[in-house]
C-alpha atoms as a PDB file:
ATOM      1  CA  MET A   1      84.585  82.904 127.999  1.00  0.00           C
ATOM      2  CA  VAL A   2      87.685  80.768 127.516  1.00  0.00           C
ATOM      3  CA  ASP A   3      88.684  78.563 130.437  1.00  0.00           C
ATOM      4  CA  ALA A   4      91.764  79.938 132.249  1.00  0.00           C
ATOM      5  CA  ARG A   5      93.374  76.475 132.140  1.00  0.00           C
ATOM      6  CA  ILE A   6      93.178  76.465 128.333  1.00  0.00           C
ATOM      7  CA  LEU A   7      94.769  79.913 128.168  1.00  0.00           C
ATOM      8  CA  HIS A   8      97.507  78.788 130.553  1.00  0.00           C
ATOM      9  CA  THR A   9      98.174  75.608 128.555  1.00  0.00           C
ATOM     10  CA  THR A  10      98.217  77.499 125.250  1.00  0.00           C
ATOM     11  CA  ALA A  11     100.706  80.020 126.644  1.00  0.00           C
ATOM     12  CA  ALA A  12     102.870  77.240 128.107  1.00  0.00           C
ATOM     13  CA  LEU A  13     102.918  75.387 124.781  1.00  0.00           C
ATOM     14  CA  ARG A  14     103.732  78.598 122.887  1.00  0.00           C
ATOM     15  CA  ASP A  15     106.631  79.445 125.196  1.00  0.00           C
ATOM     16  CA  ALA A  16     107.935  75.871 125.178  1.00  0.00           C
ATOM     17  CA  ILE A  17     107.989  75.440 121.387  1.00  0.00           C
ATOM     18  CA  LEU A  18     109.566  78.864 120.828  1.00  0.00           C
ATOM     19  CA  ARG A  19     112.322  78.110 123.363  1.00  0.00           C
ATOM     20  CA  LEU A  20     112.969  74.619 122.025  1.00  0.00           C
ATOM     21  CA  ALA A  21     112.908  75.642 118.344  1.00  0.00           C
ATOM     22  CA  ALA A  22     115.367  78.461 119.030  1.00  0.00           C
ATOM     23  CA  ASP A  23     117.748  75.852 120.426  1.00  0.00           C
ATOM     24  CA  ARG A  24     117.541  73.067 117.809  1.00  0.00           C
ATOM     25  CA  PRO A  25     115.833  72.117 114.538  1.00  0.00           C
ATOM     26  CA  VAL A  26     112.162  71.149 114.769  1.00  0.00           C
ATOM     27  CA  SER A  27     112.941  67.627 113.548  1.00  0.00           C
ATOM     28  CA  ARG A  28     114.961  67.079 116.718  1.00  0.00           C
ATOM     29  CA  ILE A  29     112.187  68.249 119.059  1.00  0.00           C
ATOM     30  CA  THR A  30     110.001  65.471 120.389  1.00  0.00           C
ATOM     31  CA  VAL A  31     106.527  65.620 121.844  1.00  0.00           C
ATOM     32  CA  ALA A  32     108.133  64.561 125.142  1.00  0.00           C
ATOM     33  CA  ASP A  33     110.456  67.583 124.951  1.00  0.00           C
ATOM     34  CA  VAL A  34     107.495  69.917 124.481  1.00  0.00           C
ATOM     35  CA  THR A  35     105.364  68.332 127.208  1.00  0.00           C
ATOM     36  CA  ARG A  36     108.251  68.449 129.667  1.00  0.00           C
ATOM     37  CA  ALA A  37     109.050  72.097 128.846  1.00  0.00           C
ATOM     38  CA  ALA A  38     105.374  73.113 129.008  1.00  0.00           C
ATOM     39  CA  GLY A  39     104.563  71.055 132.119  1.00  0.00           C
ATOM     40  CA  ILE A  40     101.705  69.175 130.469  1.00  0.00           C
ATOM     41  CA  ASN A  41     100.952  65.568 129.493  1.00  0.00           C
ATOM     42  CA  ARG A  42     100.875  63.942 126.027  1.00  0.00           C
ATOM     43  CA  ALA A  43      97.091  63.883 125.840  1.00  0.00           C
ATOM     44  CA  THR A  44      96.974  67.626 126.454  1.00  0.00           C
ATOM     45  CA  PHE A  45      99.650  68.191 123.805  1.00  0.00           C
ATOM     46  CA  TYR A  46      97.678  66.192 121.232  1.00  0.00           C
ATOM     47  CA  SER A  47      94.510  68.134 122.028  1.00  0.00           C
ATOM     48  CA  HIS A  48      96.401  71.242 120.857  1.00  0.00           C
ATOM     49  CA  ALA A  49      98.732  70.015 118.095  1.00  0.00           C
ATOM     50  CA  VAL A  50      99.672  66.990 115.999  1.00  0.00           C
ATOM     51  CA  SER A  51     103.440  67.496 116.106  1.00  0.00           C
ATOM     52  CA  PRO A  52     106.070  69.948 117.316  1.00  0.00           C
ATOM     53  CA  GLY A  53     106.337  71.301 113.754  1.00  0.00           C
ATOM     54  CA  SER A  54     102.607  71.940 113.508  1.00  0.00           C
ATOM     55  CA  LEU A  55     102.632  73.577 116.943  1.00  0.00           C
ATOM     56  CA  LEU A  56     105.429  75.915 115.849  1.00  0.00           C
ATOM     57  CA  ALA A  57     103.501  76.779 112.685  1.00  0.00           C
ATOM     58  CA  ASP A  58     100.374  77.457 114.764  1.00  0.00           C
ATOM     59  CA  VAL A  59     102.353  79.826 116.984  1.00  0.00           C
ATOM     60  CA  LEU A  60     104.003  81.791 114.141  1.00  0.00           C
ATOM     61  CA  THR A  61     101.059  81.975 111.724  1.00  0.00           C
ATOM     62  CA  PRO A  62      99.019  84.637 113.586  1.00  0.00           C
ATOM     63  CA  GLU A  63     101.974  87.043 113.445  1.00  0.00           C
ATOM     64  CA  LEU A  64     102.235  86.577 109.683  1.00  0.00           C
ATOM     65  CA  ASP A  65      98.464  86.865 109.283  1.00  0.00           C
ATOM     66  CA  ARG A  66      98.516  90.253 111.031  1.00  0.00           C
ATOM     67  CA  ILE A  67     101.184  91.478 108.612  1.00  0.00           C
ATOM     68  CA  ARG A  68      99.105  90.323 105.619  1.00  0.00           C
ATOM     69  CA  ASP A  69      95.938  91.911 107.026  1.00  0.00           C
ATOM     70  CA  ASP A  70      97.725  95.219 107.674  1.00  0.00           C
ATOM     71  CA  ASP A  71      99.135  95.201 104.124  1.00  0.00           C
ATOM     72  CA  ALA A  72      95.729  94.452 102.578  1.00  0.00           C
ATOM     73  CA  GLU A  73      94.091  97.225 104.606  1.00  0.00           C
ATOM     74  CA  ALA A  74      96.782  99.741 103.611  1.00  0.00           C
ATOM     75  CA  ARG A  75      96.326  98.803  99.933  1.00  0.00           C
ATOM     76  CA  ARG A  76      92.545  99.041 100.169  1.00  0.00           C
ATOM     77  CA  THR A  77      92.736 102.476 101.798  1.00  0.00           C
ATOM     78  CA  ALA A  78      95.294 103.707  99.254  1.00  0.00           C
ATOM     79  CA  ALA A  79      93.183 102.438  96.343  1.00  0.00           C
ATOM     80  CA  GLU A  80      90.097 104.218  97.703  1.00  0.00           C
ATOM     81  CA  ARG A  81      92.108 107.457  97.811  1.00  0.00           C
ATOM     82  CA  GLY A  82      93.373 106.911  94.283  1.00  0.00           C
ATOM     83  CA  ALA A  83      96.988 106.654  95.428  1.00  0.00           C
ATOM     84  CA  GLY A  84      99.777 106.538  92.892  1.00  0.00           C
ATOM     85  CA  ARG A  85     102.392 103.907  92.165  1.00  0.00           C
ATOM     86  CA  ASP A  86     104.907 105.397  94.622  1.00  0.00           C
ATOM     87  CA  GLU A  87     102.511 104.954  97.539  1.00  0.00           C
ATOM     88  CA  PHE A  88     101.825 101.335  96.599  1.00  0.00           C
ATOM     89  CA  THR A  89     105.573 100.732  96.338  1.00  0.00           C
ATOM     90  CA  ALA A  90     105.960 102.186  99.845  1.00  0.00           C
ATOM     91  CA  ILE A  91     103.193  99.881 101.118  1.00  0.00           C
ATOM     92  CA  THR A  92     104.966  96.887  99.570  1.00  0.00           C
ATOM     93  CA  ARG A  93     108.197  97.936 101.252  1.00  0.00           C
ATOM     94  CA  ARG A  94     106.467  98.308 104.651  1.00  0.00           C
ATOM     95  CA  GLY A  95     104.976  94.823 104.290  1.00  0.00           C
ATOM     96  CA  ILE A  96     108.335  93.312 103.378  1.00  0.00           C
ATOM     97  CA  ASN A  97     109.962  95.135 106.276  1.00  0.00           C
ATOM     98  CA  ALA A  98     107.316  93.762 108.670  1.00  0.00           C
ATOM     99  CA  VAL A  99     108.014  90.203 107.477  1.00  0.00           C
ATOM    100  CA  VAL A 100     111.754  90.747 107.871  1.00  0.00           C
ATOM    101  CA  GLU A 101     111.193  92.073 111.409  1.00  0.00           C
ATOM    102  CA  HIS A 102     109.161  88.925 112.168  1.00  0.00           C
ATOM    103  CA  VAL A 103     111.999  86.741 110.850  1.00  0.00           C
ATOM    104  CA  VAL A 104     114.596  88.693 112.829  1.00  0.00           C
ATOM    105  CA  LEU A 105     112.490  88.389 115.999  1.00  0.00           C
ATOM    106  CA  HIS A 106     112.530  84.612 115.488  1.00  0.00           C
ATOM    107  CA  ARG A 107     115.937  84.445 113.786  1.00  0.00           C
ATOM    108  CA  ASP A 108     117.222  81.491 115.820  1.00  0.00           C
ATOM    109  CA  ILE A 109     114.099  79.498 114.961  1.00  0.00           C
ATOM    110  CA  TYR A 110     114.106  80.275 111.239  1.00  0.00           C
ATOM    111  CA  SER A 111     117.883  79.761 110.980  1.00  0.00           C
ATOM    112  CA  ARG A 112     117.481  76.213 112.306  1.00  0.00           C
ATOM    113  CA  ALA A 113     114.116  75.297 110.797  1.00  0.00           C
ATOM    114  CA  LEU A 114     114.328  76.512 107.204  1.00  0.00           C
ATOM    115  CA  PRO A 115     117.377  74.445 106.178  1.00  0.00           C
ATOM    116  CA  ASP A 116     116.218  71.376 108.180  1.00  0.00           C
ATOM    117  CA  PRO A 117     116.005  68.529 105.619  1.00  0.00           C
ATOM    118  CA  GLU A 118     114.023  66.341 108.031  1.00  0.00           C
ATOM    119  CA  ASP A 119     111.163  68.760 108.752  1.00  0.00           C
ATOM    120  CA  ALA A 120     110.015  71.268 106.164  1.00  0.00           C
ATOM    121  CA  SER A 121     106.979  72.462 108.132  1.00  0.00           C
ATOM    122  CA  LEU A 122     108.248  76.006 108.592  1.00  0.00           C
ATOM    123  CA  HIS A 123     109.368  76.268 104.982  1.00  0.00           C
ATOM    124  CA  ARG A 124     105.905  75.080 103.872  1.00  0.00           C
ATOM    125  CA  LEU A 125     104.257  77.501 106.275  1.00  0.00           C
ATOM    126  CA  LEU A 126     106.083  80.482 104.758  1.00  0.00           C
ATOM    127  CA  VAL A 127     105.565  79.402 101.158  1.00  0.00           C
ATOM    128  CA  GLU A 128     101.851  78.736 101.703  1.00  0.00           C
ATOM    129  CA  HIS A 129     101.424  81.989 103.601  1.00  0.00           C
ATOM    130  CA  PHE A 130     103.160  84.089 100.938  1.00  0.00           C
ATOM    131  CA  THR A 131     101.362  82.233  98.135  1.00  0.00           C
ATOM    132  CA  VAL A 132      97.998  83.160  99.664  1.00  0.00           C
ATOM    133  CA  SER A 133      99.197  86.740 100.239  1.00  0.00           C
ATOM    134  CA  SER A 134     100.508  86.995  96.678  1.00  0.00           C
ATOM    135  CA  ALA A 135      97.343  85.530  95.167  1.00  0.00           C
ATOM    136  CA  GLN A 136      95.258  88.028  97.134  1.00  0.00           C
ATOM    137  CA  HIS A 137      97.477  90.870  95.903  1.00  0.00           C
ATOM    138  CA  ILE A 138      97.308  89.686  92.291  1.00  0.00           C
ATOM    139  CA  ARG A 139      93.502  89.436  92.440  1.00  0.00           C
ATOM    140  CA  ASP A 140      93.351  93.034  93.645  1.00  0.00           C
ATOM    141  CA  LEU A 141      95.534  94.479  90.872  1.00  0.00           C
ATOM    142  CA  ASP A 142      93.913  97.027  88.594  1.00  0.00           C
ATOM    143  CA  PRO A 143      92.460  94.979  85.706  1.00  0.00           C
ATOM    144  CA  ASP A 144      93.300  97.776  83.248  1.00  0.00           C
ATOM    145  CA  THR A 145      97.040  97.646  83.938  1.00  0.00           C
ATOM    146  CA  ARG A 146      97.483  94.083  85.154  1.00  0.00           C
ATOM    147  CA  PRO A 147      99.373  91.782  82.769  1.00  0.00           C
ATOM    148  CA  GLU A 148      97.782  88.541  81.656  1.00  0.00           C
ATOM    149  CA  LEU A 149      98.929  86.056  84.301  1.00  0.00           C
ATOM    150  CA  VAL A 150      98.218  82.542  85.414  1.00  0.00           C
ATOM    151  CA  ASP A 151      97.445  83.749  88.922  1.00  0.00           C
ATOM    152  CA  ASP A 152      98.439  80.676  90.925  1.00  0.00           C
ATOM    153  CA  VAL A 153     101.706  80.316  89.003  1.00  0.00           C
ATOM    154  CA  ALA A 154     102.590  83.990  89.503  1.00  0.00           C
ATOM    155  CA  ALA A 155     101.682  83.783  93.207  1.00  0.00           C
ATOM    156  CA  GLY A 156     103.817  80.655  93.635  1.00  0.00           C
ATOM    157  CA  PHE A 157     106.728  82.287  91.827  1.00  0.00           C
ATOM    158  CA  VAL A 158     106.662  85.350  94.075  1.00  0.00           C
ATOM    159  CA  ALA A 159     106.193  83.291  97.257  1.00  0.00           C
ATOM    160  CA  GLN A 160     109.029  80.871  96.514  1.00  0.00           C
ATOM    161  CA  GLY A 161     111.319  83.778  95.665  1.00  0.00           C
ATOM    162  CA  PHE A 162     110.446  85.587  98.881  1.00  0.00           C
ATOM    163  CA  VAL A 163     111.150  82.517 101.023  1.00  0.00           C
ATOM    164  CA  GLY A 164     114.317  81.780  99.049  1.00  0.00           C
ATOM    165  CA  ALA A 165     115.572  85.304  99.704  1.00  0.00           C
ATOM    166  CA  ILE A 166     114.938  84.929 103.434  1.00  0.00           C
ATOM    167  CA  GLU A 167     116.714  81.553 103.486  1.00  0.00           C
ATOM    168  CA  ALA A 168     119.732  82.924 101.603  1.00  0.00           C
ATOM    169  CA  TRP A 169     119.925  85.953 103.889  1.00  0.00           C
ATOM    170  CA  LEU A 170     119.786  83.812 107.035  1.00  0.00           C
ATOM    171  CA  ALA A 171     122.352  81.312 105.725  1.00  0.00           C
ATOM    172  CA  GLY A 172     124.827  83.873 104.406  1.00  0.00           C
ATOM    173  CA  PRO A 173     127.188  86.261 106.133  1.00  0.00           C
ATOM    174  CA  ARG A 174     125.555  88.845 108.385  1.00  0.00           C
ATOM    175  CA  ARG A 175     124.006  91.549 106.223  1.00  0.00           C
ATOM    176  CA  SER A 176     121.684  94.335 107.212  1.00  0.00           C
ATOM    177  CA  ARG A 177     117.912  94.015 107.292  1.00  0.00           C
ATOM    178  CA  LYS A 178     117.778  97.058 105.038  1.00  0.00           C
ATOM    179  CA  ALA A 179     119.865  95.224 102.435  1.00  0.00           C
ATOM    180  CA  LEU A 180     117.412  92.308 102.528  1.00  0.00           C
ATOM    181  CA  VAL A 181     114.363  94.589 102.280  1.00  0.00           C
ATOM    182  CA  ASP A 182     115.970  96.574  99.439  1.00  0.00           C
ATOM    183  CA  THR A 183     116.879  93.420  97.531  1.00  0.00           C
ATOM    184  CA  ILE A 184     113.453  91.833  97.886  1.00  0.00           C
ATOM    185  CA  THR A 185     111.716  95.092  96.949  1.00  0.00           C
ATOM    186  CA  LEU A 186     113.875  95.471  93.825  1.00  0.00           C
ATOM    187  CA  SER A 187     113.360  91.805  92.915  1.00  0.00           C
ATOM    188  CA  PHE A 188     109.571  92.014  92.683  1.00  0.00           C
ATOM    189  CA  PRO A 189     108.166  92.022  89.143  1.00  0.00           C
ATOM    190  CA  ALA A 190     107.510  95.483  87.665  1.00  0.00           C
ATOM    191  CA  TRP A 191     103.746  94.833  87.615  1.00  0.00           C
ATOM    192  CA  TRP A 192     103.622  94.083  91.369  1.00  0.00           C
ATOM    193  CA  SER A 193     103.051  97.549  92.853  1.00  0.00           C
END
């Protein structure tokens, strides 16, 4: 059983970093800011995180992991049923939509963190996350129809494009989520589904 104090501290840190990162770029958030907002001391902070940027990444990663796990499960189930290309395209679209919903939920954070030239932790988090997700997807492609790829290069290409699309959407004029999902879906390589 997890100690109630640890659960309380974890929740306080989570709430503090989300509030602070919605207000200003991560590079301008200090450990003192987080400890003050969470009502903890420095030693407690450092027992949970190495920096405000790493704390923010630790808070957002589980949400992204759930999206990846749901997508992988949907693909596995569809493959077992012998689903067609249209169903896999729909699964891809649902996964993209889930990521976009995550970004919208944390729009203030991503809008400040992604273009921050002094702290690229959130940018790295997204690229690494989508690279792993893309590599997993590429590994699971049907070997009979899959093109000959250098897997890590293809995964990096897709991941960087995905993050770039999110950054451009956040930085540009207000456009609908549907427009972002449609554009990303249409931008995937033909072999992706």
